[in-house]
Amino acid sequence: MTVLVWLRQDLRLSDNPALAAAHGPVVLAFVLDGTGPWRPGAASRWWLHQSLAALTADVNARGGRVVLARGDALTEIPRLATTVGAQAVHWNRRWEPGEPEREAEMLRRLGEQGCQGRAFAADLLFEPGTVRTKTGGAFQVFTPFWRAALAAPPPARPLPAPQGFELPPSVPDSLPLDALELMPAKPWWRTMAETWQPGEAGAAKRLTNFLDTGLSTYETRRDRPDCNGTSCLSPHLAFGEISPRQIWHAVQTRPPSAGADCFLKELGWREFSHTLVAAFPKLQEQPLHPAFTAFPWSENRTAFNAWKQGCTGYPIVDAGMRQLWATGWMHNRVRMIVGSFLVKDLLVPWQWGERWFWDTLIDANVAANAASWQWVAGCGADAAPYFRVFNPVTQGEKFDPDGHYVRRWLPELAGLPDQYVHKPWAAPPLLRAGLKYPPPMVDHAAARQAALSAYDRIKGR
């Protein structure tokens, strides 16, 4: 039976259930679908180009073909299935808002032309609906969710990659990769290219390196942006170059440790985010707590632009925003700090930050992005309370105690002694002379009080 495998966020050959279930002639297809409000941002498009190039090379080396197309997948996939002569189309399920409905429509359209559609579980350890509260609902607090998930049957073992492909008699022409127009016109991506290796091989290399050098110390080093304490697997997960099951079972091969437990718990946060967005499809746009619809946000574009450009006058915030622009990634602790600063020091709507991260992060993911911004804004599930306002100075001093992270991304502060690197305005005048760095755009203590006052206006609604 000839099968067309519809690729989306599963750009890998190993542990790809939709591909593994295809026995006989098979063609892989990727459609750059321009429909929907959450199309890939600029950084994600750069990564997608590299990832598709790597996948195509891997498939070609095994005698297979990846067909690239543009347009509405609901039209293009049935068309390609007809051209290939496919009796079935396989794909791996997605849970972002609107995706289950699109997949149901795909099943209907394929059925009309006498083609079988089959969907598989591939992107999560525990798909939404499989881990529920005792009353059958979706969890809204992480700890009981993860406890219930760990009590469930463990994830199945990863599936092997096919050694080779059998092609059908008819293989449709593919668009050249460049015709997808994913690469930016200006080469701002060069630093990203020096930092990352997109593709399945890069993901496997990143995982092995982390297991060998970072897993055992993950619990104590994961909050330190000044050292390599995290896995940096998030972009590979976002594009499906590695599966959560591969990570889960790879961790199980290492000696038990607090670092391993902590790392799997972070993988659990990704699972929790998808559970939330499946249960609350408006999560990217609307606060989970309705009272926050009346929050008195300040739609200050000038303040927002200063935050985006890393010119707030708070070094840990600015270092994070400049790291994001240069590499398409930001350390998770710093994401919380810059998020808190935007919504609580500047009172800028969290949706603005969510959109900026969507456009600039290479690991942009609808579920994780929405859930994380609502968490830091205090209006989502399992949220940090709104009255918890991160102090950017003390956060910097605690998690970047020697200023290595700040100095890397803010070279203009490299000459300041450690005691002033997170608060340059406090340095003696001689040290500040000629310093090309802006003063703080707000007084944190006053901004914190303004945020709490704003919260008091909606509390109890």
Protein backbone atom coordinates (compact mmCIF):
# COMPACT_ATOMS: atom_id res chain seq x y z
CA MET A 1 0.00 0.00 0.00
CA THR A 2 1.42 3.39 -1.03
CA VAL A 3 1.45 5.92 1.81
CA LEU A 4 1.96 9.69 1.82
CA VAL A 5 3.42 10.89 5.15
CA TRP A 6 2.39 14.46 5.96
CA LEU A 7 5.21 16.10 7.92
CA ARG A 8 4.65 19.04 10.24
CA GLN A 9 6.40 19.44 13.59
CA ASP A 10 8.04 16.02 13.29
CA LEU A 11 11.08 16.61 11.09
CA ARG A 12 12.87 13.39 11.98
CA LEU A 13 13.18 9.78 10.88
CA SER A 14 13.68 8.14 14.28
CA ASP A 15 10.65 7.63 16.53
CA ASN A 16 8.27 8.93 13.90
CA PRO A 17 5.12 6.79 14.31
CA ALA A 18 3.43 8.08 11.16
CA LEU A 19 6.46 7.06 9.13
CA ALA A 20 7.07 3.78 10.97
CA ALA A 21 3.50 2.63 10.21
CA ALA A 22 4.00 3.13 6.46
CA HIS A 23 4.80 -0.28 4.96
CA GLY A 24 5.60 -0.38 1.28
CA PRO A 25 6.08 2.57 -1.09
CA VAL A 26 6.16 5.89 0.73
CA VAL A 27 6.67 9.59 -0.02
CA LEU A 28 7.14 12.29 2.62
CA ALA A 29 5.53 15.70 2.11
CA PHE A 30 5.88 19.05 3.85
CA VAL A 31 3.48 21.89 3.08
CA LEU A 32 4.35 25.43 4.11
CA ASP A 33 0.86 26.45 5.14
CA GLY A 34 0.29 30.19 5.29
CA THR A 35 -3.14 29.92 6.89
CA GLY A 36 -3.87 30.60 10.54
CA PRO A 37 -2.76 33.39 12.90
CA TRP A 38 0.36 31.69 14.27
CA ARG A 39 2.51 31.24 11.20
CA PRO A 40 6.25 30.69 11.90
CA GLY A 41 8.08 33.83 13.01
CA ALA A 42 11.26 35.07 11.38
CA ALA A 43 13.66 33.11 13.61
CA SER A 44 11.59 29.93 13.30
CA ARG A 45 11.55 30.26 9.52
CA TRP A 46 15.34 30.36 9.46
CA TRP A 47 15.51 27.19 11.56
CA LEU A 48 12.82 25.50 9.47
CA HIS A 49 14.88 26.06 6.30
CA GLN A 50 17.93 24.40 7.87
CA SER A 51 15.88 21.57 9.35
CA LEU A 52 14.17 20.77 6.06
CA ALA A 53 17.54 20.78 4.30
CA ALA A 54 18.94 18.31 6.83
CA LEU A 55 15.88 16.05 6.66
CA THR A 56 15.81 16.05 2.86
CA ALA A 57 19.48 15.04 2.76
CA ASP A 58 18.85 12.20 5.24
CA VAL A 59 15.85 10.92 3.28
CA ASN A 60 17.64 11.16 -0.07
CA ALA A 61 20.57 9.22 1.34
CA ARG A 62 18.15 6.37 2.13
CA GLY A 63 16.61 6.41 -1.32
CA GLY A 64 13.49 8.35 -0.39
CA ARG A 65 11.98 11.68 -1.37
CA VAL A 66 10.60 14.68 0.50
CA VAL A 67 8.14 16.73 -1.53
CA LEU A 68 7.92 20.41 -0.58
CA ALA A 69 4.83 22.49 -1.38
CA ARG A 70 3.19 25.80 -0.42
CA GLY A 71 -0.45 26.56 0.24
CA ASP A 72 -3.34 25.27 2.30
CA ALA A 73 -2.45 21.78 3.50
CA LEU A 74 -6.13 20.81 3.35
CA THR A 75 -5.87 21.24 -0.41
CA GLU A 76 -2.25 20.30 -1.08
CA ILE A 77 -2.09 17.01 0.84
CA PRO A 78 -5.14 15.43 -0.89
CA ARG A 79 -3.72 16.64 -4.23
CA LEU A 80 -0.33 15.08 -3.54
CA ALA A 81 -1.98 11.87 -2.33
CA THR A 82 -3.79 11.58 -5.67
CA THR A 83 -0.59 12.27 -7.64
CA VAL A 84 1.35 9.66 -5.66
CA GLY A 85 -1.47 7.15 -5.94
CA ALA A 86 -1.57 6.84 -2.15
CA GLN A 87 -4.14 4.62 -0.51
CA ALA A 88 -3.40 6.24 2.86
CA VAL A 89 -2.06 9.47 4.35
CA HIS A 90 -0.32 9.31 7.72
CA TRP A 91 0.47 12.17 10.06
CA ASN A 92 1.32 12.82 13.69
CA ARG A 93 -1.26 14.69 15.75
CA ARG A 94 -0.91 18.29 16.84
CA TRP A 95 -2.83 19.95 19.65
CA GLU A 96 -2.52 23.68 19.00
CA PRO A 97 -5.82 25.57 18.73
CA GLY A 98 -7.60 24.69 15.52
CA GLU A 99 -5.37 21.73 14.67
CA PRO A 100 -7.75 18.95 15.83
CA GLU A 101 -10.49 20.52 13.71
CA ARG A 102 -8.17 20.77 10.68
CA GLU A 103 -7.21 17.14 11.06
CA ALA A 104 -10.87 16.13 11.19
CA GLU A 105 -11.45 18.08 7.97
CA MET A 106 -8.42 16.39 6.42
CA LEU A 107 -9.92 12.99 7.27
CA ARG A 108 -13.18 14.03 5.62
CA ARG A 109 -11.55 15.29 2.43
CA LEU A 110 -9.32 12.23 2.08
CA GLY A 111 -12.30 9.98 2.65
CA GLU A 112 -14.17 11.68 -0.19
CA GLN A 113 -11.43 10.62 -2.60
CA GLY A 114 -11.23 7.09 -1.23
CA CYS A 115 -8.01 7.59 0.72
CA GLN A 116 -7.55 6.51 4.34
CA GLY A 117 -6.26 9.04 6.86
CA ARG A 118 -4.44 7.89 10.02
CA ALA A 119 -3.19 10.08 12.87
CA PHE A 120 -0.55 9.01 15.40
CA ALA A 121 0.79 10.19 18.76
CA ALA A 122 4.35 11.48 18.46
CA ASP A 123 4.91 14.93 20.00
CA LEU A 124 4.09 14.32 23.67
CA LEU A 125 4.70 11.77 26.40
CA PHE A 126 1.09 12.00 27.53
CA GLU A 127 -1.40 13.34 25.02
CA PRO A 128 -4.12 15.73 26.24
CA GLY A 129 -7.00 13.79 27.72
CA THR A 130 -4.87 10.87 28.92
CA VAL A 131 -3.93 12.49 32.25
CA ARG A 132 -7.02 13.86 33.98
CA THR A 133 -8.20 14.94 37.40
CA LYS A 134 -10.32 12.55 39.48
CA THR A 135 -13.42 14.31 38.13
CA GLY A 136 -12.26 13.85 34.54
CA GLY A 137 -11.20 17.43 33.89
CA ALA A 138 -7.94 19.02 32.79
CA PHE A 139 -5.37 19.86 35.46
CA GLN A 140 -4.71 23.55 36.03
CA VAL A 141 -1.91 23.08 38.59
CA PHE A 142 1.35 21.50 37.51
CA THR A 143 2.36 19.44 40.56
CA PRO A 144 -0.74 17.21 40.71
CA PHE A 145 -0.66 16.93 36.90
CA TRP A 146 2.91 15.65 36.94
CA ARG A 147 2.22 13.34 39.86
CA ALA A 148 -0.67 11.78 37.94
CA ALA A 149 1.43 11.57 34.77
CA LEU A 150 4.22 9.72 36.56
CA ALA A 151 1.66 7.26 37.95
CA ALA A 152 0.43 6.47 34.43
CA PRO A 153 2.02 3.77 32.24
CA PRO A 154 5.46 4.97 31.11
CA PRO A 155 6.00 6.25 27.56
CA ALA A 156 6.56 3.60 24.93
CA ARG A 157 10.08 3.01 23.70
CA PRO A 158 11.21 5.04 20.68
CA LEU A 159 10.84 3.55 17.20
CA PRO A 160 13.88 3.06 14.93
CA ALA A 161 14.45 5.05 11.77
CA PRO A 162 13.86 3.29 8.45
CA GLN A 163 17.05 2.00 6.86
CA GLY A 164 15.75 2.71 3.37
CA PHE A 165 12.71 3.76 1.36
CA GLU A 166 10.72 2.19 -1.43
CA LEU A 167 9.33 4.77 -3.83
CA PRO A 168 6.02 4.49 -5.71
CA PRO A 169 6.02 4.63 -9.54
CA SER A 170 4.88 8.26 -9.50
CA VAL A 171 6.59 10.89 -7.32
CA PRO A 172 5.38 14.48 -7.75
CA ASP A 173 7.80 17.29 -8.35
CA SER A 174 8.96 19.16 -5.27
CA LEU A 175 9.43 22.88 -4.96
CA PRO A 176 13.07 23.82 -4.41
CA LEU A 177 13.69 24.60 -0.75
CA ASP A 178 14.54 28.20 -1.62
CA ALA A 179 11.10 28.58 -3.21
CA LEU A 180 9.58 28.38 0.28
CA GLU A 181 11.28 31.75 0.95
CA LEU A 182 12.09 30.92 4.55
CA MET A 183 15.49 32.61 4.69
CA PRO A 184 15.53 36.29 5.72
CA ALA A 185 16.58 38.82 3.09
CA LYS A 186 19.21 40.28 5.45
CA PRO A 187 21.82 38.00 7.04
CA TRP A 188 20.97 38.81 10.66
CA TRP A 189 20.89 35.06 11.27
CA ARG A 190 24.66 34.54 11.07
CA THR A 191 25.14 34.41 14.84
CA MET A 192 22.36 31.83 15.05
CA ALA A 193 24.12 29.74 12.41
CA GLU A 194 27.30 29.83 14.52
CA THR A 195 25.36 28.78 17.63
CA TRP A 196 23.06 25.99 16.44
CA GLN A 197 23.02 22.85 14.30
CA PRO A 198 19.39 22.37 13.19
CA GLY A 199 18.32 18.87 12.19
CA GLU A 200 18.01 15.41 13.68
CA ALA A 201 21.76 14.84 13.90
CA GLY A 202 22.21 18.14 15.73
CA ALA A 203 19.47 17.18 18.17
CA ALA A 204 21.05 13.80 18.91
CA LYS A 205 24.44 15.44 19.42
CA ARG A 206 22.96 18.06 21.74
CA LEU A 207 21.20 15.40 23.83
CA THR A 208 24.30 13.21 24.20
CA ASN A 209 26.43 16.18 25.19
CA PHE A 210 23.90 17.25 27.82
CA LEU A 211 23.58 13.74 29.27
CA ASP A 212 27.37 13.45 29.49
CA THR A 213 28.16 16.88 30.88
CA GLY A 214 25.03 18.55 32.26
CA LEU A 215 22.44 16.11 33.55
CA SER A 216 24.02 15.34 36.92
CA THR A 217 24.35 19.04 37.81
CA TYR A 218 21.13 20.22 36.16
CA GLU A 219 19.26 20.85 39.43
CA THR A 220 21.91 23.25 40.74
CA ARG A 221 23.00 24.90 37.47
CA ARG A 222 19.80 25.24 35.44
CA ASP A 223 19.01 28.73 36.81
CA ARG A 224 22.47 30.12 36.03
CA PRO A 225 22.60 31.92 32.65
CA ASP A 226 26.33 32.48 33.13
CA CYS A 227 27.13 28.80 32.61
CA ASN A 228 26.05 25.98 30.30
CA GLY A 229 23.61 24.39 32.72
CA THR A 230 20.62 23.66 30.46
CA SER A 231 20.07 21.16 27.66
CA CYS A 232 19.27 23.69 24.87
CA LEU A 233 17.03 21.00 23.35
CA SER A 234 13.94 23.22 23.12
CA PRO A 235 14.32 24.24 19.44
CA HIS A 236 14.94 20.63 18.43
CA LEU A 237 11.78 19.64 20.30
CA ALA A 238 9.83 22.51 18.75
CA PHE A 239 10.55 21.23 15.24
CA GLY A 240 10.25 17.58 16.15
CA GLU A 241 13.88 16.79 15.34
CA ILE A 242 13.86 14.72 18.50
CA SER A 243 10.90 13.27 20.36
CA PRO A 244 10.08 13.53 24.07
CA ARG A 245 10.16 9.72 24.22
CA GLN A 246 13.73 9.67 22.95
CA ILE A 247 14.74 12.14 25.65
CA TRP A 248 12.78 10.33 28.37
CA HIS A 249 14.31 6.93 27.66
CA ALA A 250 17.81 8.35 27.16
CA VAL A 251 17.63 9.88 30.65
CA GLN A 252 16.55 6.50 32.05
CA THR A 253 19.84 4.98 30.85
CA ARG A 254 21.81 7.27 33.16
CA PRO A 255 22.25 6.81 36.92
CA PRO A 256 19.36 8.18 38.98
CA SER A 257 20.02 11.70 40.25
CA ALA A 258 18.26 14.81 41.44
CA GLY A 259 19.35 16.43 38.18
CA ALA A 260 17.62 13.75 36.12
CA ASP A 261 14.39 14.09 38.11
CA CYS A 262 14.50 17.87 37.76
CA PHE A 263 15.16 17.68 34.03
CA LEU A 264 12.24 15.30 33.41
CA LYS A 265 10.07 17.64 35.45
CA GLU A 266 10.94 20.44 33.02
CA LEU A 267 9.90 18.12 30.19
CA GLY A 268 6.69 17.73 32.18
CA TRP A 269 6.09 21.51 32.02
CA ARG A 270 6.05 21.19 28.24
CA GLU A 271 3.45 18.44 28.56
CA PHE A 272 1.41 20.57 30.97
CA SER A 273 1.43 23.51 28.55
CA HIS A 274 -0.03 21.36 25.78
CA THR A 275 -2.69 20.02 28.14
CA LEU A 276 -3.67 23.60 28.96
CA VAL A 277 -3.86 24.83 25.38
CA ALA A 278 -5.90 21.78 24.36
CA ALA A 279 -8.37 22.45 27.19
CA PHE A 280 -8.39 26.25 26.76
CA PRO A 281 -8.01 27.05 23.02
CA LYS A 282 -8.04 30.82 23.61
CA LEU A 283 -4.98 30.64 25.87
CA GLN A 284 -2.76 32.60 23.43
CA GLU A 285 -5.11 35.57 23.45
CA GLN A 286 -7.23 35.62 26.59
CA PRO A 287 -6.19 35.40 30.25
CA LEU A 288 -7.23 32.19 31.93
CA HIS A 289 -8.39 34.21 34.95
CA PRO A 290 -11.22 36.41 33.58
CA ALA A 291 -10.57 39.21 36.09
CA PHE A 292 -7.44 40.13 34.10
CA THR A 293 -9.54 41.23 31.14
CA ALA A 294 -10.12 44.41 33.16
CA PHE A 295 -6.45 44.92 34.07
CA PRO A 296 -5.33 48.54 33.35
CA TRP A 297 -2.49 47.77 30.96
CA SER A 298 -0.32 50.59 29.61
CA GLU A 299 -0.04 50.31 25.82
CA ASN A 300 3.22 52.22 25.78
CA ARG A 301 4.97 51.52 22.47
CA THR A 302 8.06 53.52 23.44
CA ALA A 303 8.59 51.41 26.55
CA PHE A 304 7.90 48.22 24.61
CA ASN A 305 10.46 49.13 21.95
CA ALA A 306 13.11 49.89 24.57
CA TRP A 307 12.46 46.45 26.08
CA LYS A 308 12.70 44.74 22.67
CA GLN A 309 16.00 46.49 21.90
CA GLY A 310 17.61 45.69 25.26
CA CYS A 311 17.74 49.35 26.32
CA THR A 312 15.85 49.34 29.63
CA GLY A 313 18.84 50.29 31.80
CA TYR A 314 18.58 47.03 33.78
CA PRO A 315 21.54 44.85 32.73
CA ILE A 316 20.06 41.37 33.26
CA VAL A 317 16.97 42.36 31.26
CA ASP A 318 18.96 43.95 28.45
CA ALA A 319 21.43 41.05 28.29
CA GLY A 320 18.54 38.64 27.84
CA MET A 321 16.91 40.65 25.09
CA ARG A 322 20.20 41.00 23.22
CA GLN A 323 20.92 37.29 23.57
CA LEU A 324 17.49 36.65 22.09
CA TRP A 325 18.13 38.90 19.11
CA ALA A 326 21.59 37.45 18.43
CA THR A 327 20.92 33.75 18.92
CA GLY A 328 17.12 33.27 18.71
CA TRP A 329 17.17 31.80 22.22
CA MET A 330 17.18 33.01 25.80
CA HIS A 331 17.96 31.24 29.06
CA ASN A 332 14.76 30.21 30.85
CA ARG A 333 15.49 32.06 34.10
CA VAL A 334 16.14 35.22 32.11
CA ARG A 335 12.89 34.69 30.16
CA MET A 336 11.06 34.92 33.49
CA ILE A 337 12.98 38.05 34.48
CA VAL A 338 12.40 39.92 31.19
CA GLY A 339 8.76 38.80 31.16
CA SER A 340 8.16 40.06 34.68
CA PHE A 341 9.82 43.36 33.80
CA LEU A 342 7.61 43.88 30.76
CA VAL A 343 4.27 43.13 32.39
CA LYS A 344 4.93 44.30 35.95
CA ASP A 345 7.52 47.08 35.75
CA LEU A 346 6.21 48.50 32.47
CA LEU A 347 2.59 47.26 32.66
CA VAL A 348 2.75 46.33 28.97
CA PRO A 349 0.23 43.61 27.98
CA TRP A 350 1.64 40.11 28.14
CA GLN A 351 0.24 39.41 24.66
CA TRP A 352 2.75 41.90 23.23
CA GLY A 353 5.64 39.98 24.77
CA GLU A 354 4.13 36.70 23.60
CA ARG A 355 4.04 37.97 20.02
CA TRP A 356 7.63 39.26 20.17
CA PHE A 357 8.89 35.94 21.50
CA TRP A 358 6.92 34.15 18.79
CA ASP A 359 8.75 36.13 16.12
CA THR A 360 12.24 35.99 17.62
CA LEU A 361 12.54 32.60 19.34
CA ILE A 362 13.80 29.62 17.39
CA ASP A 363 12.00 27.37 19.88
CA ALA A 364 8.69 29.23 19.56
CA ASN A 365 5.83 26.91 20.45
CA VAL A 366 2.21 28.02 20.71
CA ALA A 367 1.43 26.07 23.89
CA ALA A 368 4.64 26.79 25.80
CA ASN A 369 4.72 30.45 24.74
CA ALA A 370 1.14 31.14 25.80
CA ALA A 371 1.30 29.17 29.05
CA SER A 372 4.63 30.72 30.06
CA TRP A 373 3.57 34.31 29.39
CA GLN A 374 0.35 33.81 31.32
CA TRP A 375 2.37 32.24 34.13
CA VAL A 376 4.73 35.19 34.43
CA ALA A 377 1.86 37.66 34.06
CA GLY A 378 0.02 35.99 36.93
CA CYS A 379 -3.16 35.38 34.96
CA GLY A 380 -2.73 31.76 33.86
CA ALA A 381 -2.76 28.26 35.28
CA ASP A 382 -0.43 27.50 38.16
CA ALA A 383 0.67 31.10 37.82
CA ALA A 384 3.20 33.04 39.80
CA PRO A 385 0.91 35.41 41.72
CA TYR A 386 0.72 38.87 40.20
CA PHE A 387 2.05 40.36 43.42
CA ARG A 388 5.31 38.40 42.95
CA VAL A 389 7.41 40.93 41.07
CA PHE A 390 10.95 39.94 40.12
CA ASN A 391 13.56 42.51 41.13
CA PRO A 392 15.90 42.70 38.13
CA VAL A 393 18.87 43.74 40.25
CA THR A 394 18.64 41.03 42.90
CA GLN A 395 17.77 38.42 40.26
CA GLY A 396 20.91 39.37 38.35
CA GLU A 397 23.07 39.30 41.47
CA LYS A 398 21.71 35.91 42.50
CA PHE A 399 21.85 34.06 39.19
CA ASP A 400 24.76 35.89 37.49
CA PRO A 401 26.84 36.64 40.59
CA ASP A 402 30.09 37.41 38.75
CA GLY A 403 28.40 39.26 35.91
CA HIS A 404 29.72 36.91 33.21
CA TYR A 405 26.35 36.71 31.43
CA VAL A 406 25.80 40.48 31.48
CA ARG A 407 29.32 41.22 30.30
CA ARG A 408 28.99 38.79 27.41
CA TRP A 409 25.89 40.47 25.98
CA LEU A 410 26.53 44.02 27.20
CA PRO A 411 30.22 44.58 26.42
CA GLU A 412 29.81 48.28 27.29
CA LEU A 413 29.61 47.17 30.94
CA ALA A 414 32.64 44.86 30.80
CA GLY A 415 34.86 47.27 32.73
CA LEU A 416 32.57 47.69 35.73
CA PRO A 417 33.48 45.91 38.99
CA ASP A 418 31.23 43.03 40.00
CA GLN A 419 29.38 45.03 42.66
CA TYR A 420 28.12 47.48 40.04
CA VAL A 421 27.59 45.34 36.95
CA HIS A 422 23.92 44.74 37.78
CA LYS A 423 23.32 48.34 38.91
CA PRO A 424 25.69 50.59 36.92
CA TRP A 425 23.86 53.73 38.04
CA ALA A 426 25.19 53.09 41.55
CA ALA A 427 28.84 53.13 40.45
CA PRO A 428 31.00 56.15 41.40
CA PRO A 429 30.99 58.97 38.83
CA LEU A 430 34.52 58.17 37.66
CA LEU A 431 33.47 54.62 36.72
CA ARG A 432 30.32 55.88 34.99
CA ALA A 433 32.13 58.54 32.99
CA GLY A 434 31.80 57.80 29.30
CA LEU A 435 29.64 54.73 29.95
CA LYS A 436 27.44 54.22 26.89
CA TYR A 437 24.56 52.56 28.69
CA PRO A 438 21.14 54.07 29.43
CA PRO A 439 19.92 54.86 32.95
CA PRO A 440 17.01 52.75 34.27
CA MET A 441 13.85 53.61 32.34
CA VAL A 442 11.77 53.15 35.51
CA ASP A 443 12.43 53.06 39.23
CA HIS A 444 11.79 49.45 40.13
CA ALA A 445 10.43 50.15 43.60
CA ALA A 446 7.94 52.70 42.27
CA ALA A 447 7.03 50.45 39.31
CA ARG A 448 6.41 47.54 41.66
CA GLN A 449 4.05 49.64 43.75
CA ALA A 450 2.21 50.81 40.64
CA ALA A 451 1.80 47.19 39.53
CA LEU A 452 0.41 46.16 42.91
CA SER A 453 -1.98 49.09 42.88
CA ALA A 454 -3.20 48.08 39.42
CA TYR A 455 -3.67 44.50 40.66
CA ASP A 456 -5.69 45.74 43.65
CA ARG A 457 -8.18 47.29 41.20
CA ILE A 458 -9.13 43.91 39.74
CA LYS A 459 -8.60 41.69 42.80
CA GLY A 460 -11.76 39.96 43.86
CA ARG A 461 -13.52 40.28 40.50
